[in-house]
Protein backbone atom coordinates (compact mmCIF):
# COMPACT_ATOMS: atom_id res chain seq x y z
CA MET A 1 -113.48 108.35 95.37
CA ALA A 2 -115.36 111.65 95.55
CA ASP A 3 -117.18 112.62 98.72
CA PRO A 4 -120.89 112.18 97.93
CA THR A 5 -121.76 115.04 100.26
CA PRO A 6 -119.07 117.74 99.96
CA LEU A 7 -118.96 120.20 102.81
CA VAL A 8 -120.35 123.72 102.39
CA SER A 9 -118.14 126.51 103.76
CA ILE A 10 -119.11 129.92 105.09
CA ALA A 11 -116.95 132.51 106.85
CA GLY A 12 -116.84 135.94 108.43
CA ALA A 13 -114.34 138.13 110.23
CA SER A 14 -114.31 136.18 113.48
CA LEU A 15 -115.66 132.71 112.59
CA SER A 16 -115.67 130.12 109.83
CA ALA A 17 -117.89 127.07 109.51
CA GLU A 18 -118.46 124.01 107.38
CA ILE A 19 -121.83 122.28 107.03
CA ASN A 20 -122.42 118.73 105.89
CA PRO A 21 -125.52 118.33 103.68
CA LEU A 22 -125.95 114.92 105.31
CA GLY A 23 -128.16 115.98 108.18
CA ALA A 24 -127.51 119.68 107.47
CA GLU A 25 -125.08 119.18 110.33
CA LEU A 26 -122.57 121.77 111.42
CA HIS A 27 -119.28 119.99 110.72
CA SER A 28 -116.77 122.53 111.98
CA LEU A 29 -116.76 125.92 113.69
CA ARG A 30 -113.49 127.79 114.04
CA ASP A 31 -112.57 131.15 115.51
CA GLY A 32 -110.58 133.84 113.76
CA GLU A 33 -107.32 132.10 114.72
CA GLY A 34 -108.48 128.83 113.16
CA ARG A 35 -109.04 127.10 116.50
CA ASP A 36 -111.79 124.50 116.72
CA LEU A 37 -114.83 125.37 118.83
CA LEU A 38 -116.86 122.34 117.74
CA TRP A 39 -116.24 118.66 118.51
CA ASP A 40 -114.63 116.71 115.66
CA GLY A 41 -116.74 113.54 115.77
CA ASP A 42 -114.00 111.22 117.03
CA PRO A 43 -115.65 107.76 117.03
CA ALA A 44 -113.72 106.82 120.16
CA PHE A 45 -116.38 108.85 121.99
CA TRP A 46 -119.22 109.93 119.68
CA THR A 47 -119.48 110.38 115.92
CA GLY A 48 -121.95 113.26 116.15
CA ARG A 49 -120.97 116.89 115.92
CA ALA A 50 -124.16 118.95 115.87
CA PRO A 51 -127.10 116.82 114.70
CA ILE A 52 -130.49 118.34 113.91
CA LEU A 53 -133.35 116.73 115.84
CA PHE A 54 -136.64 116.47 113.91
CA PRO A 55 -139.51 115.62 114.11
CA VAL A 56 -138.90 114.34 117.66
CA VAL A 57 -136.43 115.15 120.40
CA GLY A 58 -135.21 112.13 122.33
CA ALA A 59 -136.76 108.68 122.40
CA VAL A 60 -140.42 107.77 121.98
CA ALA A 61 -142.17 105.05 123.97
CA GLY A 62 -142.05 101.71 122.21
CA GLY A 63 -140.15 103.29 119.30
CA VAL A 64 -143.38 104.57 117.73
CA ILE A 65 -145.40 107.75 117.51
CA ARG A 66 -149.18 107.54 117.36
CA VAL A 67 -151.11 109.55 114.80
CA ASP A 68 -154.89 109.14 114.78
CA GLY A 69 -154.50 105.87 116.65
CA ARG A 70 -151.96 104.35 114.27
CA GLY A 71 -148.34 103.65 115.25
CA TYR A 72 -145.44 104.85 113.11
CA PRO A 73 -141.84 103.76 113.81
CA MET A 74 -139.67 106.67 114.90
CA ALA A 75 -135.98 106.56 115.74
CA LYS A 76 -134.51 108.50 118.64
CA HIS A 77 -134.16 112.18 117.67
CA GLY A 78 -136.04 111.55 114.41
CA PHE A 79 -134.85 111.16 110.83
CA ALA A 80 -133.57 114.61 109.79
CA ARG A 81 -130.02 113.91 110.95
CA ARG A 82 -129.77 110.92 108.59
CA LYS A 83 -131.24 112.55 105.48
CA THR A 84 -129.28 114.44 102.84
CA TRP A 85 -130.63 117.99 102.64
CA THR A 86 -130.68 120.09 99.47
CA LEU A 87 -128.50 123.19 99.36
CA VAL A 88 -130.83 125.92 98.06
CA GLU A 89 -128.78 129.08 98.72
CA HIS A 90 -125.10 129.74 99.39
CA ASP A 91 -122.84 132.77 99.52
CA ALA A 92 -119.64 133.65 101.37
CA ALA A 93 -121.28 134.03 104.76
CA ALA A 94 -124.57 132.11 104.57
CA ALA A 95 -126.08 128.83 103.44
CA THR A 96 -129.61 127.46 103.42
CA PHE A 97 -130.56 123.78 103.27
CA ARG A 98 -133.99 122.24 102.64
CA LEU A 99 -135.57 118.96 103.67
CA LEU A 100 -138.80 117.73 102.07
CA PRO A 101 -140.84 114.59 102.75
CA ASP A 102 -140.27 111.43 100.76
CA GLU A 103 -141.47 107.84 100.94
CA GLU A 104 -139.09 107.08 103.80
CA THR A 105 -140.12 110.04 105.95
CA ARG A 106 -143.84 109.42 105.36
CA SER A 107 -143.49 105.88 106.65
CA ALA A 108 -142.47 107.36 110.02
CA TYR A 109 -144.13 110.78 109.96
CA PRO A 110 -147.27 110.93 107.79
CA PHE A 111 -147.23 114.67 107.14
CA ASP A 112 -146.27 117.10 104.40
CA PHE A 113 -143.71 119.65 105.53
CA ARG A 114 -140.90 121.89 104.35
CA LEU A 115 -137.97 122.41 106.70
CA GLU A 116 -135.28 124.96 105.83
CA LEU A 117 -132.18 125.47 107.95
CA ARG A 118 -130.20 128.66 107.43
CA PHE A 119 -126.68 129.28 108.72
CA VAL A 120 -125.41 132.89 108.77
CA ILE A 121 -122.06 134.19 110.02
CA ASP A 122 -121.85 137.90 110.81
CA ASP A 123 -119.21 140.07 112.47
CA LYS A 124 -119.51 138.32 115.82
CA GLY A 125 -121.17 134.95 115.61
CA LEU A 126 -123.18 132.21 113.94
CA SER A 127 -126.97 132.22 113.68
CA LEU A 128 -128.99 129.09 112.96
CA SER A 129 -132.67 129.35 112.10
CA ALA A 130 -134.93 126.47 111.12
CA THR A 131 -138.16 127.40 109.38
CA LEU A 132 -140.83 124.72 109.41
CA THR A 133 -143.63 125.30 106.88
CA ASN A 134 -146.94 123.50 106.76
CA PRO A 135 -148.08 123.14 103.12
CA GLY A 136 -150.91 120.81 104.11
CA GLN A 137 -154.57 121.33 104.96
CA ALA A 138 -154.43 120.20 108.61
CA PRO A 139 -152.30 121.29 111.58
CA LEU A 140 -148.72 119.99 111.43
CA PRO A 141 -147.37 118.64 114.75
CA ALA A 142 -143.60 118.70 115.26
CA SER A 143 -140.70 119.00 117.64
CA PHE A 144 -137.23 120.30 116.83
CA GLY A 145 -133.88 120.49 118.56
CA PHE A 146 -130.29 121.68 118.13
CA HIS A 147 -127.49 119.45 119.47
CA PRO A 148 -124.09 121.18 119.07
CA ALA A 149 -121.12 119.51 120.75
CA LEU A 150 -118.67 122.18 121.88
CA ARG A 151 -115.05 121.59 122.77
CA TRP A 152 -114.45 121.02 126.45
CA PRO A 153 -112.05 122.58 127.14
CA LEU A 154 -112.53 125.38 124.64
CA PRO A 155 -109.36 126.76 123.04
CA GLY A 156 -107.41 129.44 124.82
CA GLY A 157 -105.66 127.54 127.58
CA ALA A 158 -108.23 127.60 130.38
CA PRO A 159 -108.31 124.25 132.22
CA ARG A 160 -111.17 121.84 131.62
CA ASP A 161 -112.11 121.77 135.29
CA ARG A 162 -112.64 125.54 135.36
CA HIS A 163 -115.33 125.59 132.67
CA ILE A 164 -118.70 126.98 133.73
CA VAL A 165 -122.17 127.09 132.24
CA ARG A 166 -123.74 130.32 133.46
CA PHE A 167 -127.41 130.96 132.75
CA ALA A 168 -128.93 134.37 132.10
CA GLU A 169 -131.43 133.76 134.92
CA PRO A 170 -131.41 131.73 138.15
CA GLU A 171 -132.49 128.11 137.50
CA PRO A 172 -133.56 126.62 140.85
CA ASP A 173 -136.21 124.24 139.47
CA PRO A 174 -135.50 120.50 139.47
CA ILE A 175 -134.07 118.82 136.38
CA ARG A 176 -135.08 115.56 134.70
CA ARG A 177 -133.21 112.42 133.68
CA ILE A 178 -133.91 109.60 131.25
CA ASP A 179 -134.04 105.86 131.89
CA ARG A 180 -132.18 103.10 130.02
CA ASP A 181 -134.72 103.28 127.19
CA GLY A 182 -134.22 107.02 126.83
CA LEU A 183 -137.61 107.86 128.34
CA LEU A 184 -138.19 110.61 130.85
CA ARG A 185 -138.17 109.39 134.43
CA PRO A 186 -141.12 110.56 136.51
CA ALA A 187 -139.12 111.76 139.51
CA PRO A 188 -137.24 115.06 139.15
CA GLU A 189 -133.80 115.68 140.65
CA PRO A 190 -132.40 118.75 142.40
CA SER A 191 -131.02 121.44 140.14
CA PRO A 192 -127.22 121.42 139.78
CA VAL A 193 -127.30 125.20 139.25
CA GLU A 194 -125.92 127.28 142.08
CA GLY A 195 -127.43 130.69 141.59
CA ARG A 196 -126.93 130.94 137.85
CA ALA A 197 -123.87 128.73 137.38
CA ILE A 198 -122.82 125.10 136.96
CA LEU A 199 -119.16 124.21 137.35
CA VAL A 200 -119.34 121.27 134.95
CA ARG A 201 -117.89 117.92 136.00
CA ASP A 202 -117.85 114.50 134.34
CA ALA A 203 -119.66 112.93 137.29
CA MET A 204 -122.73 115.01 136.47
CA PHE A 205 -123.23 112.91 133.33
CA GLU A 206 -122.81 109.41 134.71
CA ASP A 207 -126.62 109.28 134.61
CA ASP A 208 -126.80 110.69 131.05
CA ALA A 209 -128.03 114.17 130.14
CA MET A 210 -129.23 116.90 132.45
CA ILE A 211 -132.62 117.98 131.13
CA PHE A 212 -134.09 121.38 132.01
CA ASP A 213 -137.83 121.23 131.33
CA SER A 214 -138.78 124.24 133.47
CA LEU A 215 -136.34 126.80 132.16
CA SER A 216 -136.38 130.55 132.77
CA SER A 217 -133.27 131.42 130.73
CA ARG A 218 -133.12 131.79 126.98
CA ALA A 219 -129.38 132.46 126.97
CA LEU A 220 -126.25 131.18 128.67
CA SER A 221 -122.47 131.34 128.48
CA PHE A 222 -119.99 128.49 128.42
CA GLY A 223 -116.28 128.77 129.03
CA ALA A 224 -113.68 129.71 131.61
CA ALA A 225 -111.91 132.86 132.64
CA GLY A 226 -108.66 133.13 130.71
CA GLY A 227 -109.96 131.12 127.75
CA THR A 228 -112.61 131.28 125.07
CA ILE A 229 -116.15 132.06 126.19
CA LEU A 230 -119.19 131.35 124.02
CA ASP A 231 -122.50 133.15 124.43
CA ILE A 232 -125.41 130.96 123.33
CA ALA A 233 -128.93 132.31 122.79
CA PHE A 234 -132.06 130.29 122.06
CA PRO A 235 -134.93 132.80 122.24
CA ASN A 236 -137.87 130.51 121.48
CA MET A 237 -136.63 127.12 122.71
CA PRO A 238 -138.21 126.24 126.09
CA PHE A 239 -136.18 123.10 126.95
CA LEU A 240 -132.47 122.49 127.29
CA GLY A 241 -130.28 119.42 127.44
CA ILE A 242 -126.65 119.42 128.61
CA TRP A 243 -124.77 116.21 127.90
CA THR A 244 -121.43 114.49 127.44
CA LYS A 245 -120.00 111.03 127.85
CA PRO A 246 -117.88 111.17 131.02
CA GLY A 247 -114.28 111.78 129.99
CA ALA A 248 -115.12 112.93 126.46
CA PRO A 249 -113.65 116.30 125.42
CA TYR A 250 -116.96 117.90 124.42
CA LEU A 251 -120.05 119.35 126.07
CA CYS A 252 -123.35 119.37 124.19
CA ILE A 253 -125.54 122.39 124.92
CA GLU A 254 -128.85 121.55 123.29
CA PRO A 255 -131.79 123.97 122.95
CA TRP A 256 -134.95 121.97 122.28
CA HIS A 257 -138.60 122.49 121.46
CA GLY A 258 -139.58 119.00 122.56
CA ILE A 259 -138.48 116.30 124.94
CA ALA A 260 -138.35 112.52 125.28
CA ASP A 261 -141.59 110.68 126.04
CA PRO A 262 -142.33 110.23 129.73
CA GLU A 263 -142.07 106.59 130.81
CA ASP A 264 -145.85 106.23 131.01
CA PHE A 265 -146.74 108.15 127.83
CA ALA A 266 -149.13 106.29 125.53
CA GLY A 267 -150.96 109.18 123.90
CA GLU A 268 -151.13 110.79 120.50
CA TYR A 269 -148.02 112.39 119.07
CA ARG A 270 -149.80 115.76 119.05
CA ASP A 271 -150.13 115.54 122.82
CA LYS A 272 -146.47 114.68 123.44
CA PRO A 273 -144.73 117.22 125.70
CA GLY A 274 -143.11 120.02 123.72
CA VAL A 275 -144.85 119.32 120.41
CA ILE A 276 -146.12 122.41 118.60
CA GLU A 277 -148.72 122.55 115.85
CA VAL A 278 -148.15 124.70 112.77
CA ALA A 279 -151.37 125.88 111.16
CA PRO A 280 -151.97 125.17 107.45
CA GLY A 281 -150.03 127.58 105.26
CA ARG A 282 -148.04 128.95 108.18
CA ASP A 283 -144.42 128.80 109.38
CA HIS A 284 -142.69 128.31 112.70
CA ILE A 285 -139.06 129.32 113.29
CA PHE A 286 -136.69 127.62 115.74
CA ALA A 287 -133.50 129.57 116.37
CA MET A 288 -130.21 129.65 118.22
CA ARG A 289 -127.06 131.72 118.05
CA ILE A 290 -123.43 131.18 119.08
CA ASP A 291 -121.22 134.23 119.67
CA ILE A 292 -117.64 134.63 120.73
CA GLY A 293 -118.41 136.22 124.08
CA SER A 294 -116.91 138.18 126.90
CA ALA A 295 -116.79 137.45 130.62
CA THR A 296 -120.04 139.32 131.30
CA LEU A 297 -122.19 136.30 132.14
CA LEU A 298 -119.37 134.34 133.70
CA GLY A 299 -118.79 137.21 136.14
């Protein structure tokens, strides 16, 4: 039986990737030696690989968003990851996918929109840019997030317990956690960052994701001396989640423009933390980049 959503391949000198039109989800990312940098979706731990989060990031209170006083059912992380996107452009090193509203999306998100996600591999890395266009006559509220699950350990032989996340800037501000319903707890927790670095450990994720909602950095590195190091940039994404299931061989590094509802949030979707509004006829671009790096940030 034929695959209803065949993968789309792109490649360059140092990387190759496959994208699944279902969710416009990065399905594989391999270095020039063919080694996997991205999690493979093993259902023993988690079937995701790199879902796209739209039009919400995280959970919403009561499972609904409120637009002009009316409630609309909204699943955690939105609907984009479960929709089949249209491939609108493809060449050897780039691919662009488009998502448009339909009856199903309007039942949860009563807005017209056009969302295009472009993947480009160049000499060093992979760029992802999501362009949200507002074709309507009123401001378009939205959140968006990337959710790539990277191998932990990364290929190259460095031990798992030596892997570090090192931020471009010091990150002393407290972090946030979510409750059992996925909502943002009111009390912050001390930052796990020492200077600019986190030596990542499974125990850090026994209470789910670490959420950075007061972030100075717009770039970080992940890896270990003696192995592969990835440089990750997210120039216009003000929030960051770092997550795994304890014991799972992946680490999700998730640049977000949005966040889960606070536990006591009962307001309009437009007023939800992290939501932007795109003016009629205008675009907003969300971007991140993954490069095969050096030891500069790991230091």
